[in-house]
Amino acid sequence: MGRIEEKWEAIESFLFEALRKPDRYPDRLAVFALEDEELHRIFSRERLRLLKALKEKEFASVVELSDYLGRDKGAVDRDLKILEEYGLVKRVREGKRVRPVIDKKGIYLPLTRPKPVEELVV
């Protein structure tokens, strides 16, 4: 089995375990079953860059994240707000600063219409 197949097998295993025992994984996984229009609203190219940056590095503030991404602070702030609405990031207040952090370990976007959970859980 190749590296990619092993990776997907591990992801699938995690997802099925999370579906079987959701109380054990309440804050680690986000599953989206959205229409294309909604997916494009949430996961724009810049928001994906932002999520990747937060996954790879810690930032002391939104300004530091904006500088790292080479983007306007207001635009990054708006993107953070949208991602926060969907539970993907959170803002942690530390004194006068607000530090953005990624809030999920896994994000699952089904590429087909999702089946009812009852059909997925064995």
C-alpha atoms as a PDB file:
ATOM      1  CA  MET A   1       0.000   0.000   0.000  1.00  0.00           C
ATOM      2  CA  GLY A   2       1.353   3.420  -0.951  1.00  0.00           C
ATOM      3  CA  ARG A   3       1.790   6.429   1.294  1.00  0.00           C
ATOM      4  CA  ILE A   4      -1.309   8.217  -0.049  1.00  0.00           C
ATOM      5  CA  GLU A   5      -3.502   5.155   0.426  1.00  0.00           C
ATOM      6  CA  GLU A   6      -2.234   4.773   4.007  1.00  0.00           C
ATOM      7  CA  LYS A   7      -3.000   8.416   4.696  1.00  0.00           C
ATOM      8  CA  TRP A   8      -6.569   8.126   3.401  1.00  0.00           C
ATOM      9  CA  GLU A   9      -7.080   4.879   5.265  1.00  0.00           C
ATOM     10  CA  ALA A  10      -6.049   6.604   8.509  1.00  0.00           C
ATOM     11  CA  ILE A  11      -8.383   9.527   7.794  1.00  0.00           C
ATOM     12  CA  GLU A  12     -11.275   7.205   7.032  1.00  0.00           C
ATOM     13  CA  SER A  13     -10.618   5.222  10.194  1.00  0.00           C
ATOM     14  CA  PHE A  14     -10.607   8.412  12.281  1.00  0.00           C
ATOM     15  CA  LEU A  15     -13.839   9.633  10.680  1.00  0.00           C
ATOM     16  CA  PHE A  16     -15.721   6.403  11.263  1.00  0.00           C
ATOM     17  CA  GLU A  17     -14.523   6.278  14.865  1.00  0.00           C
ATOM     18  CA  ALA A  18     -15.639   9.884  15.374  1.00  0.00           C
ATOM     19  CA  LEU A  19     -19.054   9.057  13.887  1.00  0.00           C
ATOM     20  CA  ARG A  20     -19.421   5.983  16.107  1.00  0.00           C
ATOM     21  CA  LYS A  21     -18.401   7.830  19.287  1.00  0.00           C
ATOM     22  CA  PRO A  22     -19.003  11.555  18.714  1.00  0.00           C
ATOM     23  CA  ASP A  23     -18.783  12.351  22.419  1.00  0.00           C
ATOM     24  CA  ARG A  24     -15.080  11.380  22.353  1.00  0.00           C
ATOM     25  CA  TYR A  25     -14.268  13.792  19.502  1.00  0.00           C
ATOM     26  CA  PRO A  26     -16.487  16.863  20.019  1.00  0.00           C
ATOM     27  CA  ASP A  27     -13.867  19.532  19.401  1.00  0.00           C
ATOM     28  CA  ARG A  28     -11.427  17.872  17.035  1.00  0.00           C
ATOM     29  CA  LEU A  29     -13.399  17.438  13.845  1.00  0.00           C
ATOM     30  CA  ALA A  30     -15.544  19.572  11.571  1.00  0.00           C
ATOM     31  CA  VAL A  31     -17.654  17.835   8.935  1.00  0.00           C
ATOM     32  CA  PHE A  32     -19.199  19.985   6.214  1.00  0.00           C
ATOM     33  CA  ALA A  33     -21.993  18.901   3.917  1.00  0.00           C
ATOM     34  CA  LEU A  34     -22.462  22.107   1.966  1.00  0.00           C
ATOM     35  CA  GLU A  35     -23.617  23.216  -1.423  1.00  0.00           C
ATOM     36  CA  ASP A  36     -20.927  24.449  -3.840  1.00  0.00           C
ATOM     37  CA  GLU A  37     -21.887  28.079  -3.246  1.00  0.00           C
ATOM     38  CA  GLU A  38     -21.392  27.689   0.509  1.00  0.00           C
ATOM     39  CA  LEU A  39     -18.084  25.879   0.054  1.00  0.00           C
ATOM     40  CA  HIS A  40     -16.778  28.726  -2.106  1.00  0.00           C
ATOM     41  CA  ARG A  41     -17.909  31.278   0.466  1.00  0.00           C
ATOM     42  CA  ILE A  42     -16.083  29.544   3.298  1.00  0.00           C
ATOM     43  CA  PHE A  43     -13.057  28.037   1.596  1.00  0.00           C
ATOM     44  CA  SER A  44     -11.688  30.718  -0.687  1.00  0.00           C
ATOM     45  CA  ARG A  45      -8.046  30.507  -1.754  1.00  0.00           C
ATOM     46  CA  GLU A  46      -7.056  33.135   0.825  1.00  0.00           C
ATOM     47  CA  ARG A  47      -8.965  31.455   3.658  1.00  0.00           C
ATOM     48  CA  LEU A  48      -7.290  28.160   2.848  1.00  0.00           C
ATOM     49  CA  ARG A  49      -3.906  29.943   2.964  1.00  0.00           C
ATOM     50  CA  LEU A  50      -4.913  31.431   6.310  1.00  0.00           C
ATOM     51  CA  LEU A  51      -5.896  28.023   7.730  1.00  0.00           C
ATOM     52  CA  LYS A  52      -2.661  26.481   6.483  1.00  0.00           C
ATOM     53  CA  ALA A  53      -0.629  29.288   8.095  1.00  0.00           C
ATOM     54  CA  LEU A  54      -2.413  28.791  11.424  1.00  0.00           C
ATOM     55  CA  LYS A  55      -1.798  25.054  11.228  1.00  0.00           C
ATOM     56  CA  GLU A  56       1.922  25.506  10.583  1.00  0.00           C
ATOM     57  CA  LYS A  57       2.779  28.397  12.899  1.00  0.00           C
ATOM     58  CA  GLU A  58       1.587  30.261  15.986  1.00  0.00           C
ATOM     59  CA  PHE A  59       0.865  33.953  15.648  1.00  0.00           C
ATOM     60  CA  ALA A  60       0.828  36.443  18.515  1.00  0.00           C
ATOM     61  CA  SER A  61      -1.798  38.632  16.863  1.00  0.00           C
ATOM     62  CA  VAL A  62      -3.961  39.193  13.805  1.00  0.00           C
ATOM     63  CA  VAL A  63      -1.459  41.859  12.691  1.00  0.00           C
ATOM     64  CA  GLU A  64       1.370  39.309  12.797  1.00  0.00           C
ATOM     65  CA  LEU A  65      -0.739  36.841  10.793  1.00  0.00           C
ATOM     66  CA  SER A  66      -1.637  39.582   8.277  1.00  0.00           C
ATOM     67  CA  ASP A  67       2.015  40.502   7.837  1.00  0.00           C
ATOM     68  CA  TYR A  68       2.962  36.851   7.371  1.00  0.00           C
ATOM     69  CA  LEU A  69       0.295  36.422   4.684  1.00  0.00           C
ATOM     70  CA  GLY A  70       1.084  39.782   3.058  1.00  0.00           C
ATOM     71  CA  ARG A  71      -2.552  40.823   3.355  1.00  0.00           C
ATOM     72  CA  ASP A  72      -4.484  43.751   4.754  1.00  0.00           C
ATOM     73  CA  LYS A  73      -5.385  43.312   8.441  1.00  0.00           C
ATOM     74  CA  GLY A  74      -9.046  44.160   7.780  1.00  0.00           C
ATOM     75  CA  ALA A  75      -9.321  41.467   5.104  1.00  0.00           C
ATOM     76  CA  VAL A  76      -7.689  38.868   7.362  1.00  0.00           C
ATOM     77  CA  ASP A  77      -9.956  39.926  10.211  1.00  0.00           C
ATOM     78  CA  ARG A  78     -13.046  39.425   8.001  1.00  0.00           C
ATOM     79  CA  ASP A  79     -11.798  36.000   6.909  1.00  0.00           C
ATOM     80  CA  LEU A  80     -11.146  35.015  10.518  1.00  0.00           C
ATOM     81  CA  LYS A  81     -14.675  36.060  11.448  1.00  0.00           C
ATOM     82  CA  ILE A  82     -16.171  33.824   8.734  1.00  0.00           C
ATOM     83  CA  LEU A  83     -13.965  30.880   9.696  1.00  0.00           C
ATOM     84  CA  GLU A  84     -14.829  31.477  13.350  1.00  0.00           C
ATOM     85  CA  GLU A  85     -18.570  31.361  12.537  1.00  0.00           C
ATOM     86  CA  TYR A  86     -18.032  27.833  11.235  1.00  0.00           C
ATOM     87  CA  GLY A  87     -15.960  26.786  14.244  1.00  0.00           C
ATOM     88  CA  LEU A  88     -12.698  26.404  12.357  1.00  0.00           C
ATOM     89  CA  VAL A  89     -10.706  29.084  14.150  1.00  0.00           C
ATOM     90  CA  LYS A  90     -11.004  30.926  17.413  1.00  0.00           C
ATOM     91  CA  ARG A  91      -9.543  34.083  18.830  1.00  0.00           C
ATOM     92  CA  VAL A  92      -7.780  33.797  22.161  1.00  0.00           C
ATOM     93  CA  ARG A  93      -7.549  37.013  24.158  1.00  0.00           C
ATOM     94  CA  GLU A  94      -4.180  37.490  25.850  1.00  0.00           C
ATOM     95  CA  GLY A  95      -4.058  40.869  27.553  1.00  0.00           C
ATOM     96  CA  LYS A  96      -4.672  43.517  24.912  1.00  0.00           C
ATOM     97  CA  ARG A  97      -3.892  41.180  22.044  1.00  0.00           C
ATOM     98  CA  VAL A  98      -6.138  38.709  20.295  1.00  0.00           C
ATOM     99  CA  ARG A  99      -4.327  35.646  18.995  1.00  0.00           C
ATOM    100  CA  PRO A 100      -5.922  33.618  16.154  1.00  0.00           C
ATOM    101  CA  VAL A 101      -5.650  29.833  16.457  1.00  0.00           C
ATOM    102  CA  ILE A 102      -6.977  26.919  14.469  1.00  0.00           C
ATOM    103  CA  ASP A 103      -9.750  25.196  16.386  1.00  0.00           C
ATOM    104  CA  LYS A 104     -10.037  21.816  14.639  1.00  0.00           C
ATOM    105  CA  LYS A 105      -7.631  18.968  14.050  1.00  0.00           C
ATOM    106  CA  GLY A 106      -9.562  17.691  11.053  1.00  0.00           C
ATOM    107  CA  ILE A 107     -11.887  19.150   8.459  1.00  0.00           C
ATOM    108  CA  TYR A 108     -13.841  16.743   6.289  1.00  0.00           C
ATOM    109  CA  LEU A 109     -15.501  17.959   3.096  1.00  0.00           C
ATOM    110  CA  PRO A 110     -17.452  15.205   1.356  1.00  0.00           C
ATOM    111  CA  LEU A 111     -17.258  15.501  -2.416  1.00  0.00           C
ATOM    112  CA  THR A 112     -20.569  13.730  -2.889  1.00  0.00           C
ATOM    113  CA  ARG A 113     -23.916  14.115  -1.220  1.00  0.00           C
ATOM    114  CA  PRO A 114     -23.409  12.705   2.256  1.00  0.00           C
ATOM    115  CA  LYS A 115     -25.238   9.598   3.359  1.00  0.00           C
ATOM    116  CA  PRO A 116     -27.246   9.640   6.584  1.00  0.00           C
ATOM    117  CA  VAL A 117     -25.029   8.923   9.593  1.00  0.00           C
ATOM    118  CA  GLU A 118     -26.972   5.721  10.262  1.00  0.00           C
ATOM    119  CA  GLU A 119     -25.711   4.322   6.949  1.00  0.00           C
ATOM    120  CA  LEU A 120     -22.101   5.210   7.727  1.00  0.00           C
ATOM    121  CA  VAL A 121     -21.913   3.865  11.279  1.00  0.00           C
ATOM    122  CA  VAL A 122     -21.372   0.148  11.430  1.00  0.00           C
END
